[in-house]
Protein backbone atom coordinates (compact mmCIF):
# COMPACT_ATOMS: atom_id res chain seq x y z
CA MET A 1 -105.37 -20.18 60.50
CA PRO A 2 -101.57 -19.34 61.39
CA ASP A 3 -99.59 -18.02 58.30
CA GLY A 4 -98.33 -20.89 55.98
CA VAL A 5 -100.43 -24.13 57.44
CA PRO A 6 -101.03 -26.65 54.76
CA SER A 7 -104.61 -27.64 54.65
CA VAL A 8 -103.23 -31.12 53.66
CA LEU A 9 -101.42 -31.16 57.39
CA ILE A 10 -104.90 -30.04 59.11
CA ALA A 11 -106.52 -32.80 57.16
CA ILE A 12 -104.42 -35.59 58.19
CA VAL A 13 -104.21 -35.07 61.78
CA THR A 14 -107.86 -34.45 61.66
CA VAL A 15 -108.80 -37.70 60.18
CA PHE A 16 -106.83 -39.33 63.04
CA LEU A 17 -108.53 -37.01 65.80
CA ILE A 18 -112.04 -38.50 64.46
CA VAL A 19 -110.83 -41.83 63.97
CA CYS A 20 -109.64 -42.21 67.26
CA LEU A 21 -112.71 -40.41 68.74
CA ILE A 22 -115.19 -43.24 66.93
CA LEU A 23 -112.89 -45.64 67.67
CA TYR A 24 -113.27 -44.57 71.66
CA VAL A 25 -116.89 -44.69 71.44
CA ILE A 26 -117.03 -47.98 69.96
CA PHE A 27 -114.46 -49.94 72.22
CA GLY A 28 -114.85 -47.91 75.12
CA GLY A 29 -118.90 -47.93 74.40
CA ALA A 30 -119.00 -51.41 74.89
CA ASP A 31 -116.47 -51.47 77.66
CA PHE A 32 -119.07 -49.14 79.64
CA GLY A 33 -122.12 -50.56 78.12
CA ALA A 34 -121.25 -53.84 80.03
CA GLY A 35 -121.05 -52.38 83.01
CA MET A 36 -124.35 -50.95 82.46
CA LEU A 37 -125.79 -54.00 81.24
CA ALA A 38 -124.77 -55.67 84.91
CA ALA A 39 -127.69 -53.67 86.16
CA PHE A 40 -130.22 -54.99 83.98
CA VAL A 41 -129.34 -59.07 84.30
CA ARG A 42 -131.49 -60.44 86.51
CA GLY A 43 -132.84 -64.01 87.04
CA GLU A 44 -131.35 -67.46 87.68
CA SER A 45 -128.58 -67.15 85.07
CA SER A 46 -127.81 -63.70 86.03
CA ALA A 47 -124.15 -64.69 87.78
CA ARG A 48 -123.00 -66.70 84.67
CA GLU A 49 -124.22 -63.55 82.27
CA ARG A 50 -122.41 -60.98 84.57
CA GLU A 51 -119.40 -63.14 84.40
CA LEU A 52 -119.80 -63.21 80.66
CA LEU A 53 -119.71 -59.74 80.49
CA HIS A 54 -116.68 -59.30 82.18
CA GLN A 55 -114.72 -62.04 80.20
CA ALA A 56 -116.34 -60.34 76.60
CA ILE A 57 -114.98 -57.05 77.59
CA ALA A 58 -111.37 -58.13 78.94
CA PRO A 59 -109.94 -57.46 75.43
CA VAL A 60 -111.28 -54.29 75.27
CA TRP A 61 -111.17 -53.12 78.32
CA GLU A 62 -107.33 -53.82 77.99
CA ALA A 63 -106.74 -51.47 74.85
CA ASN A 64 -109.93 -49.06 74.43
CA HIS A 65 -108.41 -45.93 76.23
CA ILE A 66 -105.34 -45.73 74.19
CA TRP A 67 -107.89 -43.75 71.47
CA ILE A 68 -108.89 -41.23 73.76
CA ILE A 69 -105.41 -40.51 74.45
CA ILE A 70 -104.37 -40.41 70.99
CA ALA A 71 -107.47 -37.98 70.47
CA LEU A 72 -106.34 -35.72 73.13
CA VAL A 73 -102.59 -35.73 72.58
CA ILE A 74 -103.67 -34.79 68.85
CA LEU A 75 -106.05 -31.71 70.16
CA PHE A 76 -103.46 -30.69 72.72
CA ASN A 77 -100.77 -30.35 70.08
CA ALA A 78 -102.33 -29.97 66.55
CA PHE A 79 -105.42 -27.47 68.29
CA PRO A 80 -104.17 -25.97 71.19
CA ARG A 81 -106.28 -23.14 71.10
CA ALA A 82 -109.44 -25.33 71.16
CA PHE A 83 -107.86 -27.81 73.92
CA ALA A 84 -107.63 -25.18 76.10
CA GLU A 85 -110.98 -23.82 75.97
CA ILE A 86 -112.62 -27.10 76.23
CA SER A 87 -110.31 -28.49 78.98
CA THR A 88 -111.23 -25.08 80.85
CA THR A 89 -114.70 -25.05 80.16
CA PHE A 90 -115.96 -28.48 80.45
CA HIS A 91 -113.35 -29.37 83.24
CA ILE A 92 -116.58 -30.30 85.98
CA PRO A 93 -118.11 -33.19 83.22
CA LEU A 94 -114.26 -33.91 82.32
CA THR A 95 -113.22 -34.57 85.90
CA ALA A 96 -116.44 -36.54 86.00
CA LEU A 97 -115.46 -38.43 83.19
CA LEU A 98 -112.23 -39.27 84.46
CA VAL A 99 -113.40 -40.00 88.28
CA GLY A 100 -115.77 -42.41 86.11
CA ILE A 101 -113.01 -44.24 84.18
CA THR A 102 -110.75 -44.51 87.25
CA LEU A 103 -113.31 -45.84 89.60
CA ARG A 104 -114.66 -48.66 87.12
CA GLY A 105 -110.93 -49.36 86.58
CA SER A 106 -110.25 -49.81 89.83
CA ALA A 107 -113.41 -52.08 90.64
CA TYR A 108 -112.75 -54.04 87.64
CA ALA A 109 -109.23 -55.37 88.69
CA LEU A 110 -110.06 -55.61 92.21
CA ARG A 111 -112.78 -58.25 91.54
CA HIS A 112 -111.11 -59.94 89.55
CA TYR A 113 -107.72 -60.27 91.48
CA ASP A 114 -109.26 -60.71 95.15
CA GLU A 115 -109.33 -64.11 95.46
CA VAL A 116 -111.81 -64.09 98.85
CA GLN A 117 -115.25 -64.20 97.99
CA ASP A 118 -117.17 -61.82 100.43
CA ARG A 119 -119.11 -58.56 100.62
CA ALA A 120 -116.17 -56.51 99.17
CA HIS A 121 -116.83 -58.27 95.56
CA ALA A 122 -120.64 -56.78 96.15
CA ILE A 123 -119.12 -53.27 96.59
CA TYR A 124 -116.99 -53.72 93.60
CA GLU A 125 -119.46 -54.50 91.70
CA ARG A 126 -121.55 -51.59 92.28
CA VAL A 127 -118.74 -49.42 92.12
CA PHE A 128 -118.10 -50.69 88.36
CA VAL A 129 -121.52 -50.19 87.44
CA ALA A 130 -121.61 -46.83 88.71
CA GLY A 131 -118.80 -45.70 87.11
CA SER A 132 -120.05 -47.18 83.52
CA PHE A 133 -122.47 -45.17 83.90
CA VAL A 134 -121.01 -41.74 85.04
CA ALA A 135 -118.72 -41.83 82.02
CA PRO A 136 -120.33 -42.13 78.87
CA PHE A 137 -123.07 -39.95 79.96
CA ALA A 138 -120.25 -36.97 80.89
CA LEU A 139 -119.01 -37.77 77.46
CA GLY A 140 -122.22 -37.26 76.39
CA LEU A 141 -122.15 -33.70 78.49
CA VAL A 142 -119.14 -32.46 76.65
CA ALA A 143 -120.30 -33.51 72.98
CA GLY A 144 -123.39 -31.71 73.65
CA GLY A 145 -121.71 -28.62 74.91
CA LEU A 146 -119.56 -28.66 71.62
CA LEU A 147 -122.26 -28.58 69.39
CA LEU A 148 -124.78 -26.38 71.21
CA GLY A 149 -122.81 -23.03 71.12
CA ARG A 150 -123.04 -21.59 74.62
CA THR A 151 -119.55 -21.13 75.20
CA ASP A 152 -118.35 -17.65 75.86
CA PRO A 153 -114.73 -17.46 76.84
CA GLY A 154 -115.01 -13.60 77.66
CA THR A 155 -117.26 -14.04 80.73
CA LEU A 156 -116.19 -14.12 84.35
CA GLU A 157 -118.72 -15.45 85.58
CA PHE A 158 -118.64 -18.96 86.94
CA TRP A 159 -122.34 -20.20 85.98
CA PRO A 160 -122.61 -18.93 82.36
CA ARG A 161 -118.54 -19.73 81.66
CA PHE A 162 -118.57 -23.05 83.51
CA VAL A 163 -121.92 -24.86 83.75
CA ALA A 164 -124.60 -23.31 80.95
CA PRO A 165 -122.25 -24.86 78.46
CA TRP A 166 -123.48 -28.44 79.66
CA ALA A 167 -125.90 -28.37 82.01
CA ASN A 168 -129.00 -28.02 79.26
CA ARG A 169 -131.65 -30.42 78.11
CA PHE A 170 -129.87 -31.01 74.83
CA SER A 171 -126.68 -32.08 76.72
CA VAL A 172 -128.42 -34.35 79.20
CA SER A 173 -130.38 -35.96 75.99
CA VAL A 174 -127.27 -36.75 74.30
CA GLY A 175 -125.51 -37.96 77.54
CA VAL A 176 -128.28 -40.69 77.76
CA PHE A 177 -128.20 -41.30 74.01
CA LEU A 178 -124.48 -42.45 74.55
CA CYS A 179 -125.39 -44.57 77.41
CA THR A 180 -128.03 -46.43 75.26
CA ILE A 181 -125.49 -46.47 72.28
CA ALA A 182 -122.92 -48.11 75.00
CA VAL A 183 -125.73 -50.67 76.40
CA PHE A 184 -126.61 -51.67 72.51
CA LEU A 185 -122.74 -51.98 71.53
CA ALA A 186 -121.88 -54.25 74.74
CA ALA A 187 -125.18 -56.46 74.21
CA VAL A 188 -124.14 -57.19 70.62
CA PHE A 189 -120.19 -57.90 71.55
CA SER A 190 -121.05 -59.85 74.22
CA GLY A 191 -124.04 -62.06 72.59
CA GLY A 192 -121.43 -63.86 70.36
CA GLU A 193 -119.37 -65.31 73.58
CA ALA A 194 -122.49 -66.60 75.28
CA ASP A 195 -124.20 -70.08 75.01
CA ARG A 196 -127.61 -70.75 73.51
CA ASP A 197 -129.55 -69.38 76.64
CA SER A 198 -127.82 -66.23 77.05
CA ARG A 199 -127.28 -65.50 73.62
CA ARG A 200 -131.33 -65.22 73.35
CA ARG A 201 -131.06 -62.87 76.28
CA PHE A 202 -128.20 -60.79 74.66
CA VAL A 203 -130.14 -60.64 71.09
CA THR A 204 -133.59 -59.16 73.35
CA LEU A 205 -131.20 -56.98 75.36
CA ALA A 206 -129.37 -55.88 72.08
CA THR A 207 -132.95 -54.73 70.60
CA ARG A 208 -134.21 -53.15 73.40
CA ALA A 209 -131.45 -50.84 73.27
CA ASN A 210 -131.58 -49.87 69.47
CA ILE A 211 -135.22 -49.08 70.17
CA ALA A 212 -134.13 -47.02 73.39
CA ALA A 213 -131.57 -45.17 71.20
CA VAL A 214 -133.78 -44.70 68.36
CA ALA A 215 -136.22 -42.95 71.11
CA VAL A 216 -133.50 -41.16 72.70
CA GLY A 217 -132.04 -39.81 69.57
CA LEU A 218 -135.28 -38.39 68.57
CA ALA A 219 -135.48 -36.73 71.70
CA VAL A 220 -131.97 -35.19 71.37
CA PHE A 221 -133.38 -33.54 68.29
CA VAL A 222 -136.44 -32.32 70.23
CA THR A 223 -134.30 -31.42 72.93
CA ALA A 224 -131.81 -29.37 70.59
CA GLY A 225 -134.97 -27.60 69.25
CA MET A 226 -135.69 -26.44 72.38
CA GLU A 227 -132.60 -25.22 73.33
CA GLY A 228 -132.66 -22.95 70.24
CA LEU A 229 -130.15 -24.89 68.11
CA PRO A 230 -131.43 -26.13 64.38
CA LEU A 231 -129.77 -29.46 64.55
CA ALA A 232 -132.80 -31.24 62.24
CA THR A 233 -132.00 -28.44 59.91
CA GLY A 234 -128.26 -29.02 60.01
CA MET A 235 -128.43 -32.39 59.45
CA LEU A 236 -130.46 -31.91 56.03
CA THR A 237 -128.69 -29.28 54.91
CA ARG A 238 -125.21 -31.24 55.19
CA PRO A 239 -124.84 -34.47 52.44
CA LEU A 240 -122.65 -36.28 54.58
CA ALA A 241 -125.12 -35.81 57.95
CA LEU A 242 -128.01 -36.87 55.86
CA GLY A 243 -126.43 -39.86 54.27
CA SER A 244 -124.75 -41.45 57.38
CA VAL A 245 -128.04 -41.06 59.20
CA LEU A 246 -130.17 -42.75 56.13
CA GLY A 247 -126.83 -45.33 55.82
CA THR A 248 -127.52 -47.06 59.44
CA LEU A 249 -131.38 -47.87 58.42
CA PRO A 250 -130.30 -50.70 56.02
CA LEU A 251 -127.28 -51.58 58.52
CA VAL A 252 -130.04 -52.00 61.55
CA ALA A 253 -131.94 -54.62 59.15
CA ALA A 254 -128.95 -56.45 58.57
CA LEU A 255 -127.38 -56.80 62.55
CA HIS A 256 -130.86 -57.76 63.21
CA LEU A 257 -130.78 -60.81 61.10
CA SER A 258 -127.14 -61.63 61.68
CA MET A 259 -127.91 -61.87 65.22
CA ARG A 260 -130.96 -63.95 64.91
CA ARG A 261 -129.04 -66.29 62.23
CA ASN A 262 -125.83 -66.74 64.82
CA PHE A 263 -123.46 -64.64 62.36
CA TRP A 264 -122.21 -62.72 65.52
CA GLY A 265 -118.92 -61.17 63.73
CA MET A 266 -120.74 -59.44 61.35
CA ALA A 267 -123.29 -58.49 63.96
CA ARG A 268 -120.44 -56.77 65.56
CA LEU A 269 -119.19 -55.31 62.12
CA PHE A 270 -122.52 -54.04 61.66
CA ALA A 271 -123.50 -52.50 65.16
CA SER A 272 -119.91 -50.73 65.06
CA SER A 273 -120.47 -49.53 61.33
CA ILE A 274 -123.74 -48.22 62.42
CA VAL A 275 -122.02 -46.27 65.34
CA ALA A 276 -119.44 -45.13 63.22
CA LEU A 277 -121.87 -43.63 61.10
CA ILE A 278 -124.08 -41.54 63.96
CA LEU A 279 -120.62 -39.97 64.88
CA LEU A 280 -119.56 -39.09 61.17
CA GLY A 281 -122.80 -37.44 60.42
CA TRP A 282 -122.43 -35.72 64.30
CA PHE A 283 -118.81 -34.38 63.32
CA SER A 284 -120.00 -33.16 59.63
CA ILE A 285 -122.72 -31.05 61.36
CA GLN A 286 -120.00 -29.69 63.52
CA TYR A 287 -117.75 -29.13 60.97
CA PRO A 288 -115.45 -26.72 60.63
CA SER A 289 -115.74 -26.07 64.30
CA ILE A 290 -113.81 -27.70 67.04
CA LEU A 291 -116.00 -25.84 69.72
CA ILE A 292 -118.88 -23.57 68.63
CA VAL A 293 -118.93 -20.53 70.61
CA ALA A 294 -121.43 -17.76 71.56
CA PRO A 295 -122.15 -15.26 69.27
CA GLY A 296 -119.80 -12.86 69.31
CA SER A 297 -116.81 -14.92 70.29
CA GLU A 298 -113.77 -15.55 68.24
CA PRO A 299 -114.57 -18.98 66.52
CA LEU A 300 -112.81 -22.14 67.25
CA THR A 301 -112.26 -23.72 64.11
CA LEU A 302 -109.83 -26.65 62.77
CA THR A 303 -107.65 -23.76 60.44
CA SER A 304 -108.26 -20.64 63.13
CA SER A 305 -106.80 -22.77 66.16
CA ALA A 306 -104.17 -25.10 64.54
CA ALA A 307 -100.61 -25.42 65.50
CA PRO A 308 -97.85 -24.07 63.80
CA PRO A 309 -96.93 -25.72 60.59
CA ALA A 310 -93.69 -27.41 61.94
CA VAL A 311 -95.79 -28.86 64.84
CA LEU A 312 -98.33 -30.70 62.44
CA ARG A 313 -95.73 -31.98 59.99
CA VAL A 314 -94.08 -33.70 63.05
CA LEU A 315 -97.18 -34.91 64.26
CA ALA A 316 -98.60 -35.95 61.04
CA LEU A 317 -95.44 -38.04 61.06
CA ALA A 318 -95.72 -39.57 64.13
CA LEU A 319 -99.19 -40.84 63.75
CA VAL A 320 -98.70 -42.35 60.03
CA GLY A 321 -95.65 -44.21 61.59
CA GLY A 322 -97.54 -45.05 65.17
CA LEU A 323 -100.11 -46.76 63.08
CA ALA A 324 -97.85 -49.34 61.79
CA LEU A 325 -97.13 -50.27 65.51
CA VAL A 326 -100.78 -49.81 67.26
CA LEU A 327 -102.89 -51.73 64.71
CA PRO A 328 -100.32 -54.97 65.01
CA ALA A 329 -100.35 -54.79 68.55
CA LEU A 330 -103.85 -54.63 69.24
CA GLY A 331 -104.44 -57.43 66.40
CA LEU A 332 -102.05 -59.37 68.83
CA LEU A 333 -103.96 -58.41 71.82
CA LEU A 334 -106.96 -59.20 70.48
CA ALA A 335 -106.13 -62.82 69.34
CA ILE A 336 -104.32 -63.48 72.69
CA PHE A 337 -107.67 -62.97 74.50
CA LYS A 338 -109.48 -64.78 72.05
CA ARG A 339 -107.56 -68.21 72.07
CA ARG A 340 -107.36 -68.04 75.75
CA GLY A 341 -111.57 -67.79 75.83
């Protein structure tokens, strides 16, 4: 840590960073998941349910990327060394993430504003679905690589430097896990907007996605062991990580009870809380590192990569002040879309 950097400043910006990442996975995940769900909707009501998915994610689509933008601003300004290493080492999956976000966003806009119903709409839909798969999977590759500890800033060889940190079984399983989480969130978020018949369908989709997420989550632990990462040990030895995972169990039960009784507002809250707890447990295992590097490399922790105090102080004030502007604006946006719906 640079001399004289107060730990309270690091704590403030770190809390904002974690909250923004959690909000992005929840809202961005629901957005990506809607595109993935569109690929699984079949039958006579498929057209209506696809349109419902587009309507349900409209307010989320408008505002979800604000959280990842804020997170990137925090990382760039508060932890510049970590930002430089992450953006360099993981530039391939990060580029795939940006391409996926751009393509799906363009396809979504063109689909809604192109009034001519022709073959182009089918192309827009396919691009939207493809981008929806690529983006969360690429984000999962980065998340897995941050934790695995194969980043070696000192090597000049292409594969060990730019590919090996994320091209492995563990990171791939994390990418698939993030995709299942996205589908799960989209099914829960969309169910409350559906009619009775479609609502049953979304309950079924949410249940299946939940089961798939549990199965893939177990695979994450298995592949971690195969790659030499003691993820299970890390979870069991970190009280916050273990408590977060155990805390999801009653929430899962409450979620499914809420869906079957048509308490969709509570269902969305429970689903979001489940994902937030999973991410909180993940972050606690990775703490205090931002990026776990290979043995022998200089650690990249919150303290060792922190910016000077003057930068952190201004950033903390900007974040606290910005919170007073962003939250009311977001609430107004959601209210407007709800009223239109």
